[in-house]
PDB file of N, CA and C in Angstrom:
ATOM      1  N   UNK A   1     -13.595-104.804  -0.169  1.00  0.00           N
ATOM      2  CA  UNK A   1     -13.975-103.533  -0.555  1.00  0.00           C
ATOM      3  C   UNK A   1     -14.655-102.647   0.379  1.00  0.00           C
ATOM      4  N   UNK A   2     -14.221-101.416   0.586  1.00  0.00           N
ATOM      5  CA  UNK A   2     -14.684-100.606   1.756  1.00  0.00           C
ATOM      6  C   UNK A   2     -16.202 -99.908   1.204  1.00  0.00           C
ATOM      7  N   UNK A   3     -16.726 -99.407   2.290  1.00  0.00           N
ATOM      8  CA  UNK A   3     -18.066 -98.756   1.924  1.00  0.00           C
ATOM      9  C   UNK A   3     -17.801 -97.476   1.506  1.00  0.00           C
ATOM     10  N   UNK A   4     -18.678 -96.901   0.580  1.00  0.00           N
ATOM     11  CA  UNK A   4     -18.528 -95.582   0.261  1.00  0.00           C
ATOM     12  C   UNK A   4     -19.286 -94.557   1.090  1.00  0.00           C
ATOM     13  N   UNK A   5     -18.878 -93.351   1.474  1.00  0.00           N
ATOM     14  CA  UNK A   5     -19.450 -92.465   2.286  1.00  0.00           C
ATOM     15  C   UNK A   5     -20.029 -91.578   1.277  1.00  0.00           C
ATOM     16  N   UNK A   6     -21.213 -91.300   1.672  1.00  0.00           N
ATOM     17  CA  UNK A   6     -22.225 -90.336   0.668  1.00  0.00           C
ATOM     18  C   UNK A   6     -22.739 -89.226   1.603  1.00  0.00           C
ATOM     19  N   UNK A   7     -22.589 -88.097   0.849  1.00  0.00           N
ATOM     20  CA  UNK A   7     -23.044 -86.743   1.312  1.00  0.00           C
ATOM     21  C   UNK A   7     -24.321 -86.289   0.518  1.00  0.00           C
ATOM     22  N   UNK A   8     -25.465 -86.308   0.940  1.00  0.00           N
ATOM     23  CA  UNK A   8     -26.493 -85.854   0.204  1.00  0.00           C
ATOM     24  C   UNK A   8     -27.217 -84.470   0.684  1.00  0.00           C
ATOM     25  N   UNK A   9     -27.173 -83.545  -0.074  1.00  0.00           N
ATOM     26  CA  UNK A   9     -27.781 -82.373   0.280  1.00  0.00           C
ATOM     27  C   UNK A   9     -29.448 -82.199   0.133  1.00  0.00           C
ATOM     28  N   UNK A  10     -29.815 -81.975   1.462  1.00  0.00           N
ATOM     29  CA  UNK A  10     -31.582 -82.176   1.313  1.00  0.00           C
ATOM     30  C   UNK A  10     -31.917 -80.577   0.711  1.00  0.00           C
ATOM     31  N   UNK A  11     -32.942 -80.395   0.113  1.00  0.00           N
ATOM     32  CA  UNK A  11     -33.341 -79.151  -0.434  1.00  0.00           C
ATOM     33  C   UNK A  11     -33.855 -78.444   0.939  1.00  0.00           C
ATOM     34  N   UNK A  12     -33.539 -77.232   0.922  1.00  0.00           N
ATOM     35  CA  UNK A  12     -33.834 -76.241   2.120  1.00  0.00           C
ATOM     36  C   UNK A  12     -33.534 -76.914   3.304  1.00  0.00           C
ATOM     37  N   UNK A  13     -32.479 -77.884   3.465  1.00  0.00           N
ATOM     38  CA  UNK A  13     -32.265 -78.470   4.809  1.00  0.00           C
ATOM     39  C   UNK A  13     -30.744 -78.837   4.777  1.00  0.00           C
ATOM     40  N   UNK A  14     -30.407 -80.044   5.700  1.00  0.00           N
ATOM     41  CA  UNK A  14     -29.082 -80.426   6.133  1.00  0.00           C
ATOM     42  C   UNK A  14     -28.313 -81.085   5.117  1.00  0.00           C
ATOM     43  N   UNK A  15     -27.066 -81.350   5.383  1.00  0.00           N
ATOM     44  CA  UNK A  15     -26.524 -82.281   4.512  1.00  0.00           C
ATOM     45  C   UNK A  15     -26.483 -83.736   5.282  1.00  0.00           C
ATOM     46  N   UNK A  16     -27.048 -84.699   4.692  1.00  0.00           N
ATOM     47  CA  UNK A  16     -26.907 -86.179   5.153  1.00  0.00           C
ATOM     48  C   UNK A  16     -25.841 -86.724   4.906  1.00  0.00           C
ATOM     49  N   UNK A  17     -25.089 -87.182   5.791  1.00  0.00           N
ATOM     50  CA  UNK A  17     -23.799 -88.083   5.785  1.00  0.00           C
ATOM     51  C   UNK A  17     -24.109 -89.299   6.067  1.00  0.00           C
ATOM     52  N   UNK A  18     -23.698 -90.465   5.262  1.00  0.00           N
ATOM     53  CA  UNK A  18     -23.880 -91.772   5.654  1.00  0.00           C
ATOM     54  C   UNK A  18     -22.633 -92.475   4.966  1.00  0.00           C
ATOM     55  N   UNK A  19     -22.456 -93.484   6.038  1.00  0.00           N
ATOM     56  CA  UNK A  19     -21.339 -94.413   5.366  1.00  0.00           C
ATOM     57  C   UNK A  19     -20.157 -94.299   6.552  1.00  0.00           C
ATOM     58  N   UNK A  20     -19.150 -94.985   6.406  1.00  0.00           N
ATOM     59  CA  UNK A  20     -17.983 -95.273   7.577  1.00  0.00           C
ATOM     60  C   UNK A  20     -17.228 -93.800   7.671  1.00  0.00           C
ATOM     61  N   UNK A  21     -17.774 -92.689   8.027  1.00  0.00           N
ATOM     62  CA  UNK A  21     -17.245 -91.439   8.289  1.00  0.00           C
ATOM     63  C   UNK A  21     -16.579 -90.927   9.688  1.00  0.00           C
ATOM     64  N   UNK A  22     -15.802 -90.121   9.761  1.00  0.00           N
ATOM     65  CA  UNK A  22     -15.110 -89.654  11.136  1.00  0.00           C
ATOM     66  C   UNK A  22     -15.480 -88.178  10.996  1.00  0.00           C
ATOM     67  N   UNK A  23     -15.851 -87.601  11.917  1.00  0.00           N
ATOM     68  CA  UNK A  23     -16.062 -86.210  12.080  1.00  0.00           C
ATOM     69  C   UNK A  23     -15.001 -85.413  13.036  1.00  0.00           C
ATOM     70  N   UNK A  24     -14.472 -84.563  12.459  1.00  0.00           N
ATOM     71  CA  UNK A  24     -13.083 -84.067  13.222  1.00  0.00           C
ATOM     72  C   UNK A  24     -13.470 -82.276  13.319  1.00  0.00           C
ATOM     73  N   UNK A  25     -12.844 -81.771  14.547  1.00  0.00           N
ATOM     74  CA  UNK A  25     -12.749 -80.387  14.549  1.00  0.00           C
ATOM     75  C   UNK A  25     -11.874 -79.792  13.597  1.00  0.00           C
ATOM     76  N   UNK A  26     -11.765 -78.594  13.445  1.00  0.00           N
ATOM     77  CA  UNK A  26     -10.584 -78.132  12.555  1.00  0.00           C
ATOM     78  C   UNK A  26      -9.222 -78.275  13.221  1.00  0.00           C
ATOM     79  N   UNK A  27      -9.212 -78.497  14.695  1.00  0.00           N
ATOM     80  CA  UNK A  27      -7.966 -78.915  14.993  1.00  0.00           C
ATOM     81  C   UNK A  27      -7.586 -80.309  15.289  1.00  0.00           C
ATOM     82  N   UNK A  28      -8.443 -81.158  14.629  1.00  0.00           N
ATOM     83  CA  UNK A  28      -8.474 -82.588  14.469  1.00  0.00           C
ATOM     84  C   UNK A  28      -9.019 -83.271  15.600  1.00  0.00           C
ATOM     85  N   UNK A  29      -9.582 -82.953  16.579  1.00  0.00           N
ATOM     86  CA  UNK A  29     -10.367 -83.515  17.670  1.00  0.00           C
ATOM     87  C   UNK A  29     -11.711 -84.203  17.100  1.00  0.00           C
ATOM     88  N   UNK A  30     -11.630 -85.297  17.466  1.00  0.00           N
ATOM     89  CA  UNK A  30     -12.971 -86.278  17.039  1.00  0.00           C
ATOM     90  C   UNK A  30     -14.175 -85.587  17.585  1.00  0.00           C
ATOM     91  N   UNK A  31     -15.100 -85.491  16.765  1.00  0.00           N
ATOM     92  CA  UNK A  31     -16.607 -85.277  17.067  1.00  0.00           C
ATOM     93  C   UNK A  31     -17.536 -86.648  17.195  1.00  0.00           C
ATOM     94  N   UNK A  32     -18.144 -87.048  18.294  1.00  0.00           N
ATOM     95  CA  UNK A  32     -18.691 -88.137  18.433  1.00  0.00           C
ATOM     96  C   UNK A  32     -20.069 -87.956  17.623  1.00  0.00           C
ATOM     97  N   UNK A  33     -20.352 -88.816  16.696  1.00  0.00           N
ATOM     98  CA  UNK A  33     -21.504 -88.615  15.841  1.00  0.00           C
ATOM     99  C   UNK A  33     -22.740 -89.414  16.559  1.00  0.00           C
ATOM    100  N   UNK A  34     -22.460 -90.629  17.180  1.00  0.00           N
ATOM    101  CA  UNK A  34     -23.395 -91.367  17.927  1.00  0.00           C
ATOM    102  C   UNK A  34     -24.203 -91.983  16.997  1.00  0.00           C
ATOM    103  N   UNK A  35     -23.792 -92.142  15.748  1.00  0.00           N
ATOM    104  CA  UNK A  35     -24.834 -92.870  14.728  1.00  0.00           C
ATOM    105  C   UNK A  35     -24.316 -93.019  13.373  1.00  0.00           C
ATOM    106  N   UNK A  36     -24.974 -93.916  12.567  1.00  0.00           N
ATOM    107  CA  UNK A  36     -24.193 -94.335  11.345  1.00  0.00           C
ATOM    108  C   UNK A  36     -24.728 -93.270  10.247  1.00  0.00           C
ATOM    109  N   UNK A  37     -25.668 -92.507  10.334  1.00  0.00           N
ATOM    110  CA  UNK A  37     -26.175 -91.383   9.416  1.00  0.00           C
ATOM    111  C   UNK A  37     -26.269 -90.085  10.177  1.00  0.00           C
ATOM    112  N   UNK A  38     -25.670 -88.984  10.008  1.00  0.00           N
ATOM    113  CA  UNK A  38     -26.094 -87.820  10.726  1.00  0.00           C
ATOM    114  C   UNK A  38     -26.464 -86.757   9.700  1.00  0.00           C
ATOM    115  N   UNK A  39     -27.001 -85.723  10.051  1.00  0.00           N
ATOM    116  CA  UNK A  39     -27.525 -84.504   9.562  1.00  0.00           C
ATOM    117  C   UNK A  39     -26.645 -83.338   9.966  1.00  0.00           C
ATOM    118  N   UNK A  40     -26.026 -82.730   8.906  1.00  0.00           N
ATOM    119  CA  UNK A  40     -25.077 -81.803   9.318  1.00  0.00           C
ATOM    120  C   UNK A  40     -25.708 -80.575   8.877  1.00  0.00           C
ATOM    121  N   UNK A  41     -25.668 -79.408   9.833  1.00  0.00           N
ATOM    122  CA  UNK A  41     -26.099 -78.100   9.574  1.00  0.00           C
ATOM    123  C   UNK A  41     -25.436 -77.269   8.239  1.00  0.00           C
ATOM    124  N   UNK A  42     -26.288 -76.783   7.711  1.00  0.00           N
ATOM    125  CA  UNK A  42     -25.880 -75.808   6.527  1.00  0.00           C
ATOM    126  C   UNK A  42     -26.322 -74.491   6.496  1.00  0.00           C
ATOM    127  N   UNK A  43     -27.414 -74.217   7.379  1.00  0.00           N
ATOM    128  CA  UNK A  43     -27.895 -72.826   7.461  1.00  0.00           C
ATOM    129  C   UNK A  43     -27.075 -72.107   8.613  1.00  0.00           C
ATOM    130  N   UNK A  44     -26.385 -72.734   9.572  1.00  0.00           N
ATOM    131  CA  UNK A  44     -25.637 -71.887  10.491  1.00  0.00           C
ATOM    132  C   UNK A  44     -26.372 -71.523  11.698  1.00  0.00           C
ATOM    133  N   UNK A  45     -27.668 -71.767  11.772  1.00  0.00           N
ATOM    134  CA  UNK A  45     -28.460 -71.624  12.913  1.00  0.00           C
ATOM    135  C   UNK A  45     -28.690 -72.430  13.995  1.00  0.00           C
ATOM    136  N   UNK A  46     -28.047 -73.860  13.614  1.00  0.00           N
ATOM    137  CA  UNK A  46     -28.219 -74.740  14.786  1.00  0.00           C
ATOM    138  C   UNK A  46     -27.448 -74.614  15.987  1.00  0.00           C
ATOM    139  N   UNK A  47     -28.299 -74.915  17.148  1.00  0.00           N
ATOM    140  CA  UNK A  47     -27.824 -74.898  18.566  1.00  0.00           C
ATOM    141  C   UNK A  47     -26.896 -76.313  18.794  1.00  0.00           C
ATOM    142  N   UNK A  48     -26.922 -77.200  17.857  1.00  0.00           N
ATOM    143  CA  UNK A  48     -26.312 -78.492  17.958  1.00  0.00           C
ATOM    144  C   UNK A  48     -25.103 -78.493  17.096  1.00  0.00           C
ATOM    145  N   UNK A  49     -24.506 -77.387  16.518  1.00  0.00           N
ATOM    146  CA  UNK A  49     -23.572 -77.610  15.254  1.00  0.00           C
ATOM    147  C   UNK A  49     -22.432 -78.623  15.840  1.00  0.00           C
ATOM    148  N   UNK A  50     -22.193 -79.327  15.053  1.00  0.00           N
ATOM    149  CA  UNK A  50     -22.280 -79.300  13.230  1.00  0.00           C
ATOM    150  C   UNK A  50     -23.564 -79.817  12.948  1.00  0.00           C
ATOM    151  N   UNK A  51     -24.349 -80.291  13.982  1.00  0.00           N
ATOM    152  CA  UNK A  51     -25.456 -81.320  13.635  1.00  0.00           C
ATOM    153  C   UNK A  51     -26.602 -80.449  13.441  1.00  0.00           C
ATOM    154  N   UNK A  52     -27.587 -80.783  12.723  1.00  0.00           N
ATOM    155  CA  UNK A  52     -28.985 -80.144  12.167  1.00  0.00           C
ATOM    156  C   UNK A  52     -29.706 -80.420  13.522  1.00  0.00           C
ATOM    157  N   UNK A  53     -30.470 -79.368  13.910  1.00  0.00           N
ATOM    158  CA  UNK A  53     -31.412 -79.386  14.821  1.00  0.00           C
ATOM    159  C   UNK A  53     -32.901 -79.034  14.394  1.00  0.00           C
ATOM    160  N   UNK A  54     -32.895 -78.697  13.202  1.00  0.00           N
ATOM    161  CA  UNK A  54     -34.323 -78.181  12.598  1.00  0.00           C
ATOM    162  C   UNK A  54     -34.719 -76.626  12.743  1.00  0.00           C
ATOM    163  N   UNK A  55     -33.499 -75.946  13.029  1.00  0.00           N
ATOM    164  CA  UNK A  55     -33.782 -74.618  13.193  1.00  0.00           C
ATOM    165  C   UNK A  55     -33.827 -73.748  11.728  1.00  0.00           C
ATOM    166  N   UNK A  56     -33.426 -74.662  10.525  1.00  0.00           N
ATOM    167  CA  UNK A  56     -33.672 -74.127   9.254  1.00  0.00           C
ATOM    168  C   UNK A  56     -34.780 -73.892   8.891  1.00  0.00           C
ATOM    169  N   UNK A  57     -35.939 -74.711   9.399  1.00  0.00           N
ATOM    170  CA  UNK A  57     -37.259 -74.646   9.064  1.00  0.00           C
ATOM    171  C   UNK A  57     -38.038 -73.447   9.375  1.00  0.00           C
ATOM    172  N   UNK A  58     -38.089 -73.015  10.723  1.00  0.00           N
ATOM    173  CA  UNK A  58     -38.574 -71.455  10.939  1.00  0.00           C
ATOM    174  C   UNK A  58     -37.837 -70.695  10.645  1.00  0.00           C
ATOM    175  N   UNK A  59     -36.547 -70.475  10.321  1.00  0.00           N
ATOM    176  CA  UNK A  59     -36.067 -69.559   9.743  1.00  0.00           C
ATOM    177  C   UNK A  59     -35.978 -69.219   8.270  1.00  0.00           C
ATOM    178  N   UNK A  60     -36.761 -70.189   7.599  1.00  0.00           N
ATOM    179  CA  UNK A  60     -37.052 -70.074   5.842  1.00  0.00           C
ATOM    180  C   UNK A  60     -35.666 -70.335   5.253  1.00  0.00           C
ATOM    181  N   UNK A  61     -34.851 -71.124   5.771  1.00  0.00           N
ATOM    182  CA  UNK A  61     -33.466 -71.516   4.965  1.00  0.00           C
ATOM    183  C   UNK A  61     -34.108 -71.935   3.568  1.00  0.00           C
ATOM    184  N   UNK A  62     -33.312 -71.403   2.609  1.00  0.00           N
ATOM    185  CA  UNK A  62     -33.671 -72.116   1.336  1.00  0.00           C
ATOM    186  C   UNK A  62     -32.150 -72.421   0.580  1.00  0.00           C
ATOM    187  N   UNK A  63     -32.115 -73.489   0.114  1.00  0.00           N
ATOM    188  CA  UNK A  63     -30.887 -74.160  -0.705  1.00  0.00           C
ATOM    189  C   UNK A  63     -31.376 -75.400  -1.415  1.00  0.00           C
ATOM    190  N   UNK A  64     -30.991 -75.231  -2.571  1.00  0.00           N
ATOM    191  CA  UNK A  64     -31.328 -76.485  -3.644  1.00  0.00           C
ATOM    192  C   UNK A  64     -30.559 -77.588  -3.171  1.00  0.00           C
ATOM    193  N   UNK A  65     -31.177 -78.827  -3.718  1.00  0.00           N
ATOM    194  CA  UNK A  65     -30.229 -79.985  -3.443  1.00  0.00           C
ATOM    195  C   UNK A  65     -29.431 -80.291  -4.655  1.00  0.00           C
ATOM    196  N   UNK A  66     -29.514 -79.305  -5.776  1.00  0.00           N
ATOM    197  CA  UNK A  66     -28.806 -79.567  -7.084  1.00  0.00           C
ATOM    198  C   UNK A  66     -27.616 -78.890  -6.864  1.00  0.00           C
ATOM    199  N   UNK A  67     -26.346 -79.313  -7.696  1.00  0.00           N
ATOM    200  CA  UNK A  67     -25.162 -78.237  -7.743  1.00  0.00           C
ATOM    201  C   UNK A  67     -25.589 -77.216  -8.654  1.00  0.00           C
ATOM    202  N   UNK A  68     -24.531 -76.027  -8.122  1.00  0.00           N
ATOM    203  CA  UNK A  68     -24.754 -74.658  -8.639  1.00  0.00           C
ATOM    204  C   UNK A  68     -24.184 -75.065 -10.505  1.00  0.00           C
ATOM    205  N   UNK A  69     -24.931 -74.159 -11.195  1.00  0.00           N
ATOM    206  CA  UNK A  69     -24.469 -74.337 -12.763  1.00  0.00           C
ATOM    207  C   UNK A  69     -23.127 -73.858 -12.837  1.00  0.00           C
ATOM    208  N   UNK A  70     -22.241 -74.112 -13.724  1.00  0.00           N
ATOM    209  CA  UNK A  70     -21.033 -73.643 -14.120  1.00  0.00           C
ATOM    210  C   UNK A  70     -21.146 -72.210 -14.518  1.00  0.00           C
ATOM    211  N   UNK A  71     -20.508 -71.297 -14.228  1.00  0.00           N
ATOM    212  CA  UNK A  71     -20.426 -69.829 -14.664  1.00  0.00           C
ATOM    213  C   UNK A  71     -20.119 -69.851 -16.130  1.00  0.00           C
TER     214      UNK A  71
END
């Protein structure tokens, strides 16, 4: 049985990625994560994209951890 990859949206913060994942650029080049759990930027302000560097905090980024309601 293989491990499951999970993606957890953090309220007002990054996406936490856990499990046996592989990160790739849009051109298919591997992005070294360097660890088993990573925080991916979703505010667009990180200087370390695709990884979160905490820039969302001083910027006041807001996003729920819950899915949007169907229209």
